[in-house]
PDB file of N, CA and C in Angstrom:
ATOM      1  N   MET A   1      -8.356  17.284   0.381  1.00  0.00           N
ATOM      2  CA  MET A   1      -6.995  16.471  -0.381  1.00  0.00           C
ATOM      3  C   MET A   1      -5.639  16.511   0.609  1.00  0.00           C
ATOM      4  N   VAL A   2      -5.098  15.980   0.184  1.00  0.00           N
ATOM      5  CA  VAL A   2      -3.801  15.507   0.731  1.00  0.00           C
ATOM      6  C   VAL A   2      -2.310  15.976  -0.006  1.00  0.00           C
ATOM      7  N   ALA A   3      -1.643  16.947   0.639  1.00  0.00           N
ATOM      8  CA  ALA A   3      -0.736  16.992  -0.049  1.00  0.00           C
ATOM      9  C   ALA A   3       0.138  16.193  -0.692  1.00  0.00           C
ATOM     10  N   LYS A   4       0.820  16.442  -1.641  1.00  0.00           N
ATOM     11  CA  LYS A   4       1.687  15.153  -2.210  1.00  0.00           C
ATOM     12  C   LYS A   4       2.994  15.032  -1.552  1.00  0.00           C
ATOM     13  N   SER A   5       3.748  15.946  -0.512  1.00  0.00           N
ATOM     14  CA  SER A   5       4.595  15.823  -0.102  1.00  0.00           C
ATOM     15  C   SER A   5       4.232  14.989   1.238  1.00  0.00           C
ATOM     16  N   ASP A   6       2.904  14.885   1.429  1.00  0.00           N
ATOM     17  CA  ASP A   6       2.716  14.331   2.862  1.00  0.00           C
ATOM     18  C   ASP A   6       2.679  13.050   2.687  1.00  0.00           C
ATOM     19  N   ILE A   7       2.251  12.518   1.298  1.00  0.00           N
ATOM     20  CA  ILE A   7       2.451  11.039   0.849  1.00  0.00           C
ATOM     21  C   ILE A   7       4.051  10.853   1.147  1.00  0.00           C
ATOM     22  N   LEU A   8       4.465  11.252   0.637  1.00  0.00           N
ATOM     23  CA  LEU A   8       6.084  11.078   0.281  1.00  0.00           C
ATOM     24  C   LEU A   8       6.656  10.963   1.069  1.00  0.00           C
ATOM     25  N   THR A   9       6.548  11.945   2.707  1.00  0.00           N
ATOM     26  CA  THR A   9       6.940  11.453   3.721  1.00  0.00           C
ATOM     27  C   THR A   9       6.430  10.760   4.535  1.00  0.00           C
ATOM     28  N   ALA A  10       5.127  10.417   4.420  1.00  0.00           N
ATOM     29  CA  ALA A  10       4.713   9.040   5.022  1.00  0.00           C
ATOM     30  C   ALA A  10       5.094   7.600   4.342  1.00  0.00           C
ATOM     31  N   ALA A  11       5.241   8.043   3.543  1.00  0.00           N
ATOM     32  CA  ALA A  11       5.869   6.433   2.731  1.00  0.00           C
ATOM     33  C   ALA A  11       7.603   6.411   2.963  1.00  0.00           C
ATOM     34  N   ASN A  12       8.390   7.648   3.462  1.00  0.00           N
ATOM     35  CA  ASN A  12       9.773   7.084   3.294  1.00  0.00           C
ATOM     36  C   ASN A  12       9.482   7.113   4.910  1.00  0.00           C
ATOM     37  N   GLN A  13       8.593   7.340   6.005  1.00  0.00           N
ATOM     38  CA  GLN A  13       8.422   7.027   7.102  1.00  0.00           C
ATOM     39  C   GLN A  13       8.329   5.574   7.252  1.00  0.00           C
ATOM     40  N   ILE A  14       7.288   5.008   6.711  1.00  0.00           N
ATOM     41  CA  ILE A  14       6.972   3.741   6.451  1.00  0.00           C
ATOM     42  C   ILE A  14       8.207   2.661   6.317  1.00  0.00           C
ATOM     43  N   GLU A  15       8.616   3.326   5.037  1.00  0.00           N
ATOM     44  CA  GLU A  15       9.459   2.313   4.406  1.00  0.00           C
ATOM     45  C   GLU A  15      10.674   2.136   5.189  1.00  0.00           C
ATOM     46  N   GLN A  16      11.495   3.325   5.835  1.00  0.00           N
ATOM     47  CA  GLN A  16      12.579   2.646   6.850  1.00  0.00           C
ATOM     48  C   GLN A  16      11.956   2.677   8.104  1.00  0.00           C
ATOM     49  N   ALA A  17      10.617   2.387   8.362  1.00  0.00           N
ATOM     50  CA  ALA A  17      10.587   1.396   9.680  1.00  0.00           C
ATOM     51  C   ALA A  17      10.295   0.044   9.230  1.00  0.00           C
ATOM     52  N   LEU A  18      10.251  -0.107   8.333  1.00  0.00           N
ATOM     53  CA  LEU A  18      10.203  -2.021   7.479  1.00  0.00           C
ATOM     54  C   LEU A  18      10.854  -2.137   7.590  1.00  0.00           C
ATOM     55  N   GLY A  19      12.060  -1.262   7.299  1.00  0.00           N
ATOM     56  CA  GLY A  19      13.719  -1.690   6.764  1.00  0.00           C
ATOM     57  C   GLY A  19      14.392  -2.557   8.210  1.00  0.00           C
ATOM     58  N   THR A  20      13.714  -2.011   9.595  1.00  0.00           N
ATOM     59  CA  THR A  20      13.890  -2.189  10.708  1.00  0.00           C
ATOM     60  C   THR A  20      13.470  -3.865  11.219  1.00  0.00           C
ATOM     61  N   LEU A  21      12.331  -3.877  10.807  1.00  0.00           N
ATOM     62  CA  LEU A  21      11.671  -5.049  10.853  1.00  0.00           C
ATOM     63  C   LEU A  21      12.998  -6.362  11.222  1.00  0.00           C
ATOM     64  N   THR A  22      12.680  -7.131  11.647  1.00  0.00           N
ATOM     65  CA  THR A  22      13.159  -8.294  12.186  1.00  0.00           C
ATOM     66  C   THR A  22      12.558  -9.699  12.400  1.00  0.00           C
ATOM     67  N   PRO A  23      11.679 -10.132  11.523  1.00  0.00           N
ATOM     68  CA  PRO A  23      10.500 -11.124  12.133  1.00  0.00           C
ATOM     69  C   PRO A  23      11.435 -12.119  12.323  1.00  0.00           C
ATOM     70  N   ASN A  24      11.308 -13.101  13.188  1.00  0.00           N
ATOM     71  CA  ASN A  24      11.713 -14.084  13.884  1.00  0.00           C
ATOM     72  C   ASN A  24      13.519 -14.074  13.555  1.00  0.00           C
ATOM     73  N   ALA A  25      14.129 -12.670  13.771  1.00  0.00           N
ATOM     74  CA  ALA A  25      15.646 -12.320  13.791  1.00  0.00           C
ATOM     75  C   ALA A  25      15.890 -12.335  12.463  1.00  0.00           C
ATOM     76  N   ALA A  26      15.241 -12.417  11.472  1.00  0.00           N
ATOM     77  CA  ALA A  26      15.370 -12.468   9.926  1.00  0.00           C
ATOM     78  C   ALA A  26      15.350 -10.417   9.600  1.00  0.00           C
ATOM     79  N   PRO A  27      16.164 -10.476   8.835  1.00  0.00           N
ATOM     80  CA  PRO A  27      15.918  -9.003   8.262  1.00  0.00           C
ATOM     81  C   PRO A  27      14.850  -8.839   7.380  1.00  0.00           C
ATOM     82  N   ALA A  28      14.328  -7.660   7.339  1.00  0.00           N
ATOM     83  CA  ALA A  28      13.592  -7.423   5.942  1.00  0.00           C
ATOM     84  C   ALA A  28      13.636  -6.262   4.963  1.00  0.00           C
ATOM     85  N   LYS A  29      13.278  -6.693   3.634  1.00  0.00           N
ATOM     86  CA  LYS A  29      13.437  -6.065   2.416  1.00  0.00           C
ATOM     87  C   LYS A  29      11.715  -5.083   2.639  1.00  0.00           C
ATOM     88  N   ALA A  30      12.072  -3.785   2.123  1.00  0.00           N
ATOM     89  CA  ALA A  30      10.373  -3.459   2.221  1.00  0.00           C
ATOM     90  C   ALA A  30      10.382  -2.663   1.021  1.00  0.00           C
ATOM     91  N   HIS A  31       9.059  -2.278   0.255  1.00  0.00           N
ATOM     92  CA  HIS A  31       9.175  -1.233  -0.685  1.00  0.00           C
ATOM     93  C   HIS A  31       7.653  -0.663  -0.474  1.00  0.00           C
ATOM     94  N   VAL A  32       7.732   0.615  -0.347  1.00  0.00           N
ATOM     95  CA  VAL A  32       6.357   1.441  -0.083  1.00  0.00           C
ATOM     96  C   VAL A  32       5.932   2.054  -1.511  1.00  0.00           C
ATOM     97  N   PHE A  33       4.634   1.756  -1.752  1.00  0.00           N
ATOM     98  CA  PHE A  33       4.502   2.954  -3.022  1.00  0.00           C
ATOM     99  C   PHE A  33       3.137   3.086  -2.869  1.00  0.00           C
ATOM    100  N   GLU A  34       3.192   4.540  -4.038  1.00  0.00           N
ATOM    101  CA  GLU A  34       1.378   5.203  -3.651  1.00  0.00           C
ATOM    102  C   GLU A  34       0.774   4.132  -4.834  1.00  0.00           C
ATOM    103  N   THR A  35      -0.957   4.392  -4.357  1.00  0.00           N
ATOM    104  CA  THR A  35      -1.419   4.067  -5.289  1.00  0.00           C
ATOM    105  C   THR A  35      -1.897   5.095  -6.369  1.00  0.00           C
ATOM    106  N   ASP A  36      -3.200   4.980  -7.307  1.00  0.00           N
ATOM    107  CA  ASP A  36      -3.703   5.857  -7.932  1.00  0.00           C
ATOM    108  C   ASP A  36      -4.383   6.669  -7.134  1.00  0.00           C
ATOM    109  N   TRP A  37      -4.862   6.239  -5.947  1.00  0.00           N
ATOM    110  CA  TRP A  37      -5.967   7.375  -5.083  1.00  0.00           C
ATOM    111  C   TRP A  37      -5.200   8.019  -4.058  1.00  0.00           C
ATOM    112  N   GLY A  38      -4.031   7.935  -4.217  1.00  0.00           N
ATOM    113  CA  GLY A  38      -3.450   8.758  -3.169  1.00  0.00           C
ATOM    114  C   GLY A  38      -2.967   8.113  -2.060  1.00  0.00           C
ATOM    115  N   HIS A  39      -2.890   6.913  -1.975  1.00  0.00           N
ATOM    116  CA  HIS A  39      -2.961   5.928  -0.365  1.00  0.00           C
ATOM    117  C   HIS A  39      -1.493   5.366  -1.192  1.00  0.00           C
ATOM    118  N   LEU A  40      -1.083   4.399   0.163  1.00  0.00           N
ATOM    119  CA  LEU A  40       0.158   3.772   0.281  1.00  0.00           C
ATOM    120  C   LEU A  40      -0.128   1.897   0.484  1.00  0.00           C
ATOM    121  N   LYS A  41       0.791   1.454  -0.103  1.00  0.00           N
ATOM    122  CA  LYS A  41       0.569   0.022  -0.015  1.00  0.00           C
ATOM    123  C   LYS A  41       2.254  -0.326   0.008  1.00  0.00           C
ATOM    124  N   ALA A  42       2.480  -1.351   1.134  1.00  0.00           N
ATOM    125  CA  ALA A  42       3.758  -1.986   1.304  1.00  0.00           C
ATOM    126  C   ALA A  42       3.828  -3.478   1.142  1.00  0.00           C
ATOM    127  N   ILE A  43       5.162  -4.009   0.915  1.00  0.00           N
ATOM    128  CA  ILE A  43       5.205  -5.109   0.272  1.00  0.00           C
ATOM    129  C   ILE A  43       6.720  -5.507   1.300  1.00  0.00           C
ATOM    130  N   ILE A  44       6.652  -6.685   1.924  1.00  0.00           N
ATOM    131  CA  ILE A  44       7.643  -6.623   2.963  1.00  0.00           C
ATOM    132  C   ILE A  44       8.026  -8.235   2.914  1.00  0.00           C
ATOM    133  N   GLY A  45       9.571  -8.650   2.419  1.00  0.00           N
ATOM    134  CA  GLY A  45      10.138 -10.062   2.406  1.00  0.00           C
ATOM    135  C   GLY A  45      11.018  -9.955   3.167  1.00  0.00           C
ATOM    136  N   SER A  46      10.705 -11.134   4.135  1.00  0.00           N
ATOM    137  CA  SER A  46      11.747 -11.572   4.963  1.00  0.00           C
ATOM    138  C   SER A  46      11.795 -13.063   5.063  1.00  0.00           C
ATOM    139  N   GLU A  47      12.530 -13.950   5.229  1.00  0.00           N
ATOM    140  CA  GLU A  47      12.844 -14.969   5.554  1.00  0.00           C
ATOM    141  C   GLU A  47      12.403 -15.245   6.813  1.00  0.00           C
ATOM    142  N   GLY A  48      12.445 -14.797   8.102  1.00  0.00           N
ATOM    143  CA  GLY A  48      11.206 -14.727   9.246  1.00  0.00           C
ATOM    144  C   GLY A  48       9.874 -14.944   9.127  1.00  0.00           C
ATOM    145  N   PHE A  49       9.563 -14.616   7.776  1.00  0.00           N
ATOM    146  CA  PHE A  49       8.177 -15.073   7.470  1.00  0.00           C
ATOM    147  C   PHE A  49       8.007 -16.362   6.921  1.00  0.00           C
ATOM    148  N   LYS A  50       8.811 -16.847   6.852  1.00  0.00           N
ATOM    149  CA  LYS A  50       8.931 -18.570   6.308  1.00  0.00           C
ATOM    150  C   LYS A  50       7.694 -19.393   7.437  1.00  0.00           C
ATOM    151  N   ASP A  51       7.151 -19.985   7.338  1.00  0.00           N
ATOM    152  CA  ASP A  51       6.548 -20.723   8.070  1.00  0.00           C
ATOM    153  C   ASP A  51       5.260 -20.360   8.808  1.00  0.00           C
ATOM    154  N   VAL A  52       5.198 -18.988   8.449  1.00  0.00           N
ATOM    155  CA  VAL A  52       4.050 -18.350   9.602  1.00  0.00           C
ATOM    156  C   VAL A  52       3.293 -17.741   8.453  1.00  0.00           C
ATOM    157  N   SER A  53       1.942 -18.032   9.228  1.00  0.00           N
ATOM    158  CA  SER A  53       0.674 -18.320   8.419  1.00  0.00           C
ATOM    159  C   SER A  53       0.174 -16.280   7.959  1.00  0.00           C
ATOM    160  N   LEU A  54      -0.128 -16.420   6.932  1.00  0.00           N
ATOM    161  CA  LEU A  54      -0.515 -14.820   6.355  1.00  0.00           C
ATOM    162  C   LEU A  54      -1.031 -14.085   7.283  1.00  0.00           C
ATOM    163  N   GLY A  55      -2.200 -14.393   8.235  1.00  0.00           N
ATOM    164  CA  GLY A  55      -2.516 -13.701   9.225  1.00  0.00           C
ATOM    165  C   GLY A  55      -1.619 -13.432  10.606  1.00  0.00           C
ATOM    166  N   ALA A  56      -0.785 -14.401  10.510  1.00  0.00           N
ATOM    167  CA  ALA A  56       0.077 -14.070  11.546  1.00  0.00           C
ATOM    168  C   ALA A  56       1.233 -13.047  11.458  1.00  0.00           C
ATOM    169  N   ARG A  57       1.048 -12.998  10.025  1.00  0.00           N
ATOM    170  CA  ARG A  57       2.706 -12.218   9.151  1.00  0.00           C
ATOM    171  C   ARG A  57       1.764 -10.430   9.164  1.00  0.00           C
ATOM    172  N   GLN A  58       0.837 -10.431   9.192  1.00  0.00           N
ATOM    173  CA  GLN A  58       0.028  -9.307   8.796  1.00  0.00           C
ATOM    174  C   GLN A  58       0.133  -8.735  10.261  1.00  0.00           C
ATOM    175  N   GLN A  59      -0.488  -9.660  11.387  1.00  0.00           N
ATOM    176  CA  GLN A  59      -0.267  -8.993  12.530  1.00  0.00           C
ATOM    177  C   GLN A  59       0.861  -8.729  13.098  1.00  0.00           C
ATOM    178  N   ILE A  60       1.758  -9.174  12.503  1.00  0.00           N
ATOM    179  CA  ILE A  60       3.326  -8.944  12.927  1.00  0.00           C
ATOM    180  C   ILE A  60       3.722  -7.458  12.311  1.00  0.00           C
ATOM    181  N   VAL A  61       3.478  -7.326  10.657  1.00  0.00           N
ATOM    182  CA  VAL A  61       3.604  -5.888  10.388  1.00  0.00           C
ATOM    183  C   VAL A  61       3.174  -4.804  11.197  1.00  0.00           C
ATOM    184  N   TRP A  62       1.779  -5.366  11.283  1.00  0.00           N
ATOM    185  CA  TRP A  62       0.644  -4.021  11.598  1.00  0.00           C
ATOM    186  C   TRP A  62       1.242  -3.543  13.217  1.00  0.00           C
ATOM    187  N   ASP A  63       1.533  -4.294  13.919  1.00  0.00           N
ATOM    188  CA  ASP A  63       1.637  -4.116  15.562  1.00  0.00           C
ATOM    189  C   ASP A  63       3.328  -3.592  15.172  1.00  0.00           C
ATOM    190  N   PHE A  64       4.084  -3.867  14.133  1.00  0.00           N
ATOM    191  CA  PHE A  64       5.265  -3.265  14.302  1.00  0.00           C
ATOM    192  C   PHE A  64       4.861  -1.690  14.180  1.00  0.00           C
ATOM    193  N   LEU A  65       4.614  -1.352  13.051  1.00  0.00           N
ATOM    194  CA  LEU A  65       4.047  -0.183  12.590  1.00  0.00           C
ATOM    195  C   LEU A  65       3.754   0.770  13.167  1.00  0.00           C
ATOM    196  N   ARG A  66       2.209   0.172  14.275  1.00  0.00           N
ATOM    197  CA  ARG A  66       1.825   0.892  15.060  1.00  0.00           C
ATOM    198  C   ARG A  66       2.940   1.217  16.066  1.00  0.00           C
ATOM    199  N   GLU A  67       3.577   1.071  16.533  1.00  0.00           N
ATOM    200  CA  GLU A  67       4.629   1.022  17.609  1.00  0.00           C
ATOM    201  C   GLU A  67       6.260   1.941  16.440  1.00  0.00           C
ATOM    202  N   LYS A  68       6.508   1.992  15.802  1.00  0.00           N
ATOM    203  CA  LYS A  68       7.547   2.480  14.971  1.00  0.00           C
ATOM    204  C   LYS A  68       6.923   3.799  13.434  1.00  0.00           C
ATOM    205  N   VAL A  69       5.848   4.456  13.600  1.00  0.00           N
ATOM    206  CA  VAL A  69       5.631   5.185  12.518  1.00  0.00           C
ATOM    207  C   VAL A  69       4.539   5.913  13.445  1.00  0.00           C
ATOM    208  N   PRO A  70       4.473   7.338  13.352  1.00  0.00           N
ATOM    209  CA  PRO A  70       3.311   8.106  13.553  1.00  0.00           C
ATOM    210  C   PRO A  70       1.897   7.728  13.185  1.00  0.00           C
ATOM    211  N   LYS A  71       1.484   8.018  14.201  1.00  0.00           N
ATOM    212  CA  LYS A  71      -0.511   7.684  13.032  1.00  0.00           C
ATOM    213  C   LYS A  71      -0.837   8.201  12.240  1.00  0.00           C
ATOM    214  N   ASP A  72      -0.545   9.825  11.897  1.00  0.00           N
ATOM    215  CA  ASP A  72      -0.476  10.514  10.476  1.00  0.00           C
ATOM    216  C   ASP A  72       0.107  10.053   9.326  1.00  0.00           C
ATOM    217  N   ALA A  73       1.310   9.359   9.719  1.00  0.00           N
ATOM    218  CA  ALA A  73       1.939   8.869   8.229  1.00  0.00           C
ATOM    219  C   ALA A  73       0.975   7.439   8.058  1.00  0.00           C
ATOM    220  N   LEU A  74       0.807   6.818   9.271  1.00  0.00           N
ATOM    221  CA  LEU A  74       0.181   5.320   8.963  1.00  0.00           C
ATOM    222  C   LEU A  74      -0.890   5.182   8.394  1.00  0.00           C
ATOM    223  N   ALA A  75      -1.949   6.424   8.288  1.00  0.00           N
ATOM    224  CA  ALA A  75      -3.098   6.841   8.099  1.00  0.00           C
ATOM    225  C   ALA A  75      -3.423   6.560   6.762  1.00  0.00           C
ATOM    226  N   HIS A  76      -2.120   6.595   5.710  1.00  0.00           N
ATOM    227  CA  HIS A  76      -2.181   6.534   4.328  1.00  0.00           C
ATOM    228  C   HIS A  76      -2.093   5.541   4.122  1.00  0.00           C
ATOM    229  N   LEU A  77      -1.599   4.341   5.298  1.00  0.00           N
ATOM    230  CA  LEU A  77      -1.086   2.946   4.123  1.00  0.00           C
ATOM    231  C   LEU A  77      -2.251   2.329   4.321  1.00  0.00           C
ATOM    232  N   ILE A  78      -2.709   1.483   3.038  1.00  0.00           N
ATOM    233  CA  ILE A  78      -4.564   0.896   3.080  1.00  0.00           C
ATOM    234  C   ILE A  78      -3.878  -0.894   3.266  1.00  0.00           C
ATOM    235  N   ALA A  79      -2.456  -1.287   2.664  1.00  0.00           N
ATOM    236  CA  ALA A  79      -2.615  -2.632   2.733  1.00  0.00           C
ATOM    237  C   ALA A  79      -1.109  -2.942   2.833  1.00  0.00           C
ATOM    238  N   VAL A  80      -0.766  -4.270   3.675  1.00  0.00           N
ATOM    239  CA  VAL A  80       0.520  -4.746   3.736  1.00  0.00           C
ATOM    240  C   VAL A  80       0.607  -5.940   3.402  1.00  0.00           C
ATOM    241  N   TYR A  81       1.809  -6.263   2.402  1.00  0.00           N
ATOM    242  CA  TYR A  81       2.180  -7.808   1.864  1.00  0.00           C
ATOM    243  C   TYR A  81       2.988  -8.155   1.955  1.00  0.00           C
ATOM    244  N   PRO A  82       3.326  -9.190   3.079  1.00  0.00           N
ATOM    245  CA  PRO A  82       4.459  -9.726   3.635  1.00  0.00           C
ATOM    246  C   PRO A  82       4.578 -11.090   2.897  1.00  0.00           C
ATOM    247  N   MET A  83       5.658 -11.276   2.683  1.00  0.00           N
ATOM    248  CA  MET A  83       6.116 -12.446   2.358  1.00  0.00           C
ATOM    249  C   MET A  83       7.483 -12.857   2.362  1.00  0.00           C
ATOM    250  N   GLY A  84       7.693 -14.340   1.841  1.00  0.00           N
ATOM    251  CA  GLY A  84       9.309 -14.508   2.163  1.00  0.00           C
ATOM    252  C   GLY A  84       9.820 -13.975   0.946  1.00  0.00           C
ATOM    253  N   LEU A  85      11.069 -13.958   1.672  1.00  0.00           N
ATOM    254  CA  LEU A  85      12.042 -13.362   0.691  1.00  0.00           C
ATOM    255  C   LEU A  85      12.567 -13.467  -0.693  1.00  0.00           C
ATOM    256  N   ALA A  86      12.513 -14.996  -1.170  1.00  0.00           N
ATOM    257  CA  ALA A  86      12.071 -15.728  -1.984  1.00  0.00           C
ATOM    258  C   ALA A  86      11.222 -15.098  -3.177  1.00  0.00           C
ATOM    259  N   GLU A  87       9.922 -14.822  -2.435  1.00  0.00           N
ATOM    260  CA  GLU A  87       8.898 -14.534  -3.614  1.00  0.00           C
ATOM    261  C   GLU A  87       8.822 -13.175  -3.302  1.00  0.00           C
ATOM    262  N   TYR A  88       9.497 -12.049  -2.469  1.00  0.00           N
ATOM    263  CA  TYR A  88       9.781 -10.992  -2.687  1.00  0.00           C
ATOM    264  C   TYR A  88      10.635 -10.747  -3.988  1.00  0.00           C
ATOM    265  N   ASP A  89      11.826 -11.137  -4.104  1.00  0.00           N
ATOM    266  CA  ASP A  89      12.665 -10.891  -4.709  1.00  0.00           C
ATOM    267  C   ASP A  89      11.907 -11.317  -6.319  1.00  0.00           C
ATOM    268  N   ARG A  90      11.059 -12.224  -6.697  1.00  0.00           N
ATOM    269  CA  ARG A  90      10.784 -12.388  -7.597  1.00  0.00           C
ATOM    270  C   ARG A  90       9.857 -11.188  -8.101  1.00  0.00           C
ATOM    271  N   ARG A  91       8.719 -11.049  -7.029  1.00  0.00           N
ATOM    272  CA  ARG A  91       7.376 -10.168  -7.189  1.00  0.00           C
ATOM    273  C   ARG A  91       8.016  -8.733  -7.593  1.00  0.00           C
ATOM    274  N   VAL A  92       9.054  -8.423  -6.518  1.00  0.00           N
ATOM    275  CA  VAL A  92       9.400  -7.236  -6.801  1.00  0.00           C
ATOM    276  C   VAL A  92       9.935  -6.426  -7.409  1.00  0.00           C
ATOM    277  N   THR A  93       9.690  -5.751  -8.689  1.00  0.00           N
ATOM    278  CA  THR A  93      10.973  -4.707  -9.281  1.00  0.00           C
ATOM    279  C   THR A  93      10.446  -3.547  -9.545  1.00  0.00           C
ATOM    280  N   TYR A  94      11.584  -3.153  -9.758  1.00  0.00           N
ATOM    281  CA  TYR A  94      11.829  -1.333  -9.888  1.00  0.00           C
ATOM    282  C   TYR A  94      12.254  -1.010 -10.981  1.00  0.00           C
ATOM    283  N   GLN A  95      11.028   0.042 -11.811  1.00  0.00           N
ATOM    284  CA  GLN A  95      10.764   0.683 -12.954  1.00  0.00           C
ATOM    285  C   GLN A  95      11.833   1.439 -13.145  1.00  0.00           C
TER     286      GLN A  95
END
């Protein structure tokens, strides 16, 4: 079983890294959250993803994270959802 502090540390590391992602020179917004099973998912919004296929978006994000985030933190991330900024702003709400 993974300690809650390890999950929170990993989430913070991933979210901070994603905040520096600039696909096609456009800044990104990111939100990383824990699932019910102690894993993490990330939602990323950037105008840099406009006109980029979903598969290419995924590749950009995962390649970036592999360079910027320690492997032990990245091991908790099970999914990334890269989207345009307008879609991100429409879909992501904080409670």
